[in-house]
């Protein structure tokens, strides 16, 4: 039996046409398909903030998908940084309001 991959956490701040285009749902759906936990929310300045936790390979795929965004969205920038590990904070991936 192989050992479980270590988990990491990342936080994204995405700017562009990312509100009112299904961006949070897209981000959540991508995370769920990859088995990640975390959250996504709109910010008052029109950007979106997302945090995810999971294996490094899955996080990398998720970041690539978020950078592409949904069909009606348009990502101008996606800042990625390591995040404090919120182990156990989320059971799944949630959309915050």
C-alpha atoms as a PDB file:
ATOM      1  CA  UNK A   1       0.000   0.000   0.000  1.00  0.00           C
ATOM      2  CA  UNK A   2       1.415   3.395  -1.024  1.00  0.00           C
ATOM      3  CA  UNK A   3       1.550   6.200   1.522  1.00  0.00           C
ATOM      4  CA  UNK A   4      -0.898   9.067   1.036  1.00  0.00           C
ATOM      5  CA  UNK A   5       0.464  12.090  -0.777  1.00  0.00           C
ATOM      6  CA  UNK A   6       1.173  14.993   1.575  1.00  0.00           C
ATOM      7  CA  UNK A   7      -1.418  17.723   1.503  1.00  0.00           C
ATOM      8  CA  UNK A   8      -0.702  21.364   0.799  1.00  0.00           C
ATOM      9  CA  UNK A   9      -2.818  24.501   0.832  1.00  0.00           C
ATOM     10  CA  UNK A  10      -2.923  27.372  -1.641  1.00  0.00           C
ATOM     11  CA  UNK A  11      -4.806  30.633  -1.801  1.00  0.00           C
ATOM     12  CA  UNK A  12      -5.732  32.344  -5.074  1.00  0.00           C
ATOM     13  CA  UNK A  13      -6.818  35.868  -5.878  1.00  0.00           C
ATOM     14  CA  UNK A  14      -8.337  36.035  -9.343  1.00  0.00           C
ATOM     15  CA  UNK A  15      -9.036  39.273 -11.208  1.00  0.00           C
ATOM     16  CA  UNK A  16     -10.869  39.929 -14.452  1.00  0.00           C
ATOM     17  CA  UNK A  17     -14.440  39.161 -15.451  1.00  0.00           C
ATOM     18  CA  UNK A  18     -14.903  36.729 -12.576  1.00  0.00           C
ATOM     19  CA  UNK A  19     -18.154  37.807 -10.931  1.00  0.00           C
ATOM     20  CA  UNK A  20     -21.594  37.202 -12.412  1.00  0.00           C
ATOM     21  CA  UNK A  21     -20.287  34.543 -14.832  1.00  0.00           C
ATOM     22  CA  UNK A  22     -20.504  31.370 -12.708  1.00  0.00           C
ATOM     23  CA  UNK A  23     -16.865  31.609 -11.657  1.00  0.00           C
ATOM     24  CA  UNK A  24     -17.395  30.449  -8.065  1.00  0.00           C
ATOM     25  CA  UNK A  25     -19.425  27.432  -9.202  1.00  0.00           C
ATOM     26  CA  UNK A  26     -16.818  26.587 -11.842  1.00  0.00           C
ATOM     27  CA  UNK A  27     -14.023  26.837  -9.255  1.00  0.00           C
ATOM     28  CA  UNK A  28     -15.961  24.637  -6.834  1.00  0.00           C
ATOM     29  CA  UNK A  29     -16.812  22.019  -9.480  1.00  0.00           C
ATOM     30  CA  UNK A  30     -13.155  21.770 -10.550  1.00  0.00           C
ATOM     31  CA  UNK A  31     -12.072  21.343  -6.916  1.00  0.00           C
ATOM     32  CA  UNK A  32     -14.694  18.691  -6.189  1.00  0.00           C
ATOM     33  CA  UNK A  33     -13.685  16.660  -9.268  1.00  0.00           C
ATOM     34  CA  UNK A  34     -10.075  16.730  -8.020  1.00  0.00           C
ATOM     35  CA  UNK A  35     -10.978  15.800  -4.436  1.00  0.00           C
ATOM     36  CA  UNK A  36      -9.907  19.116  -2.903  1.00  0.00           C
ATOM     37  CA  UNK A  37     -11.402  20.860   0.106  1.00  0.00           C
ATOM     38  CA  UNK A  38     -11.639  24.608   0.624  1.00  0.00           C
ATOM     39  CA  UNK A  39     -13.723  27.629  -0.263  1.00  0.00           C
ATOM     40  CA  UNK A  40     -14.320  30.346  -2.817  1.00  0.00           C
ATOM     41  CA  UNK A  41     -15.904  33.781  -2.441  1.00  0.00           C
ATOM     42  CA  UNK A  42     -16.447  37.059  -4.260  1.00  0.00           C
ATOM     43  CA  UNK A  43     -14.596  40.070  -2.877  1.00  0.00           C
ATOM     44  CA  UNK A  44     -16.030  43.611  -2.778  1.00  0.00           C
ATOM     45  CA  UNK A  45     -13.434  44.861  -5.299  1.00  0.00           C
ATOM     46  CA  UNK A  46     -14.775  42.522  -8.029  1.00  0.00           C
ATOM     47  CA  UNK A  47     -12.119  39.822  -7.649  1.00  0.00           C
ATOM     48  CA  UNK A  48     -12.531  36.260  -6.388  1.00  0.00           C
ATOM     49  CA  UNK A  49     -10.604  34.617  -3.563  1.00  0.00           C
ATOM     50  CA  UNK A  50     -10.264  30.843  -3.348  1.00  0.00           C
ATOM     51  CA  UNK A  51      -8.450  28.518  -0.983  1.00  0.00           C
ATOM     52  CA  UNK A  52      -7.916  24.807  -1.507  1.00  0.00           C
ATOM     53  CA  UNK A  53      -6.227  21.941   0.284  1.00  0.00           C
ATOM     54  CA  UNK A  54      -5.164  18.617  -1.137  1.00  0.00           C
ATOM     55  CA  UNK A  55      -2.328  16.734  -2.844  1.00  0.00           C
ATOM     56  CA  UNK A  56       0.139  18.951  -4.708  1.00  0.00           C
ATOM     57  CA  UNK A  57      -0.627  17.384  -8.107  1.00  0.00           C
ATOM     58  CA  UNK A  58      -4.376  18.000  -7.727  1.00  0.00           C
ATOM     59  CA  UNK A  59      -3.759  21.572  -6.542  1.00  0.00           C
ATOM     60  CA  UNK A  60      -1.603  22.272  -9.578  1.00  0.00           C
ATOM     61  CA  UNK A  61      -4.314  20.974 -11.924  1.00  0.00           C
ATOM     62  CA  UNK A  62      -6.941  23.052 -10.076  1.00  0.00           C
ATOM     63  CA  UNK A  63      -4.875  26.245 -10.360  1.00  0.00           C
ATOM     64  CA  UNK A  64      -4.475  25.650 -14.106  1.00  0.00           C
ATOM     65  CA  UNK A  65      -8.247  25.194 -14.475  1.00  0.00           C
ATOM     66  CA  UNK A  66      -9.031  28.304 -12.422  1.00  0.00           C
ATOM     67  CA  UNK A  67      -6.601  30.325 -14.566  1.00  0.00           C
ATOM     68  CA  UNK A  68      -8.617  29.282 -17.646  1.00  0.00           C
ATOM     69  CA  UNK A  69     -11.956  30.064 -15.969  1.00  0.00           C
ATOM     70  CA  UNK A  70     -15.465  29.297 -17.193  1.00  0.00           C
ATOM     71  CA  UNK A  71     -16.552  30.060 -20.774  1.00  0.00           C
ATOM     72  CA  UNK A  72     -18.211  33.391 -19.895  1.00  0.00           C
ATOM     73  CA  UNK A  73     -15.355  34.534 -17.638  1.00  0.00           C
ATOM     74  CA  UNK A  74     -12.073  36.168 -18.482  1.00  0.00           C
ATOM     75  CA  UNK A  75      -9.125  35.870 -16.101  1.00  0.00           C
ATOM     76  CA  UNK A  76      -6.687  38.781 -16.243  1.00  0.00           C
ATOM     77  CA  UNK A  77      -4.536  37.656 -13.325  1.00  0.00           C
ATOM     78  CA  UNK A  78      -4.369  34.802 -10.847  1.00  0.00           C
ATOM     79  CA  UNK A  79      -2.035  35.309  -7.886  1.00  0.00           C
ATOM     80  CA  UNK A  80      -1.129  32.064  -6.124  1.00  0.00           C
ATOM     81  CA  UNK A  81       0.426  31.796  -2.684  1.00  0.00           C
ATOM     82  CA  UNK A  82       0.938  29.106  -0.095  1.00  0.00           C
ATOM     83  CA  UNK A  83      -1.772  29.303   2.535  1.00  0.00           C
ATOM     84  CA  UNK A  84      -1.786  28.382   6.196  1.00  0.00           C
ATOM     85  CA  UNK A  85      -2.964  24.796   6.509  1.00  0.00           C
ATOM     86  CA  UNK A  86      -6.665  24.828   7.486  1.00  0.00           C
ATOM     87  CA  UNK A  87      -6.646  21.099   8.294  1.00  0.00           C
ATOM     88  CA  UNK A  88     -10.173  20.036   9.108  1.00  0.00           C
ATOM     89  CA  UNK A  89     -11.692  23.478   8.466  1.00  0.00           C
ATOM     90  CA  UNK A  90     -13.781  22.210   5.542  1.00  0.00           C
ATOM     91  CA  UNK A  91     -15.337  18.808   4.890  1.00  0.00           C
ATOM     92  CA  UNK A  92     -15.711  19.636   1.196  1.00  0.00           C
ATOM     93  CA  UNK A  93     -15.430  22.642  -1.060  1.00  0.00           C
ATOM     94  CA  UNK A  94     -17.870  25.452  -0.213  1.00  0.00           C
ATOM     95  CA  UNK A  95     -19.033  28.676  -1.825  1.00  0.00           C
ATOM     96  CA  UNK A  96     -19.007  31.470   0.726  1.00  0.00           C
ATOM     97  CA  UNK A  97     -21.410  34.412   0.489  1.00  0.00           C
END
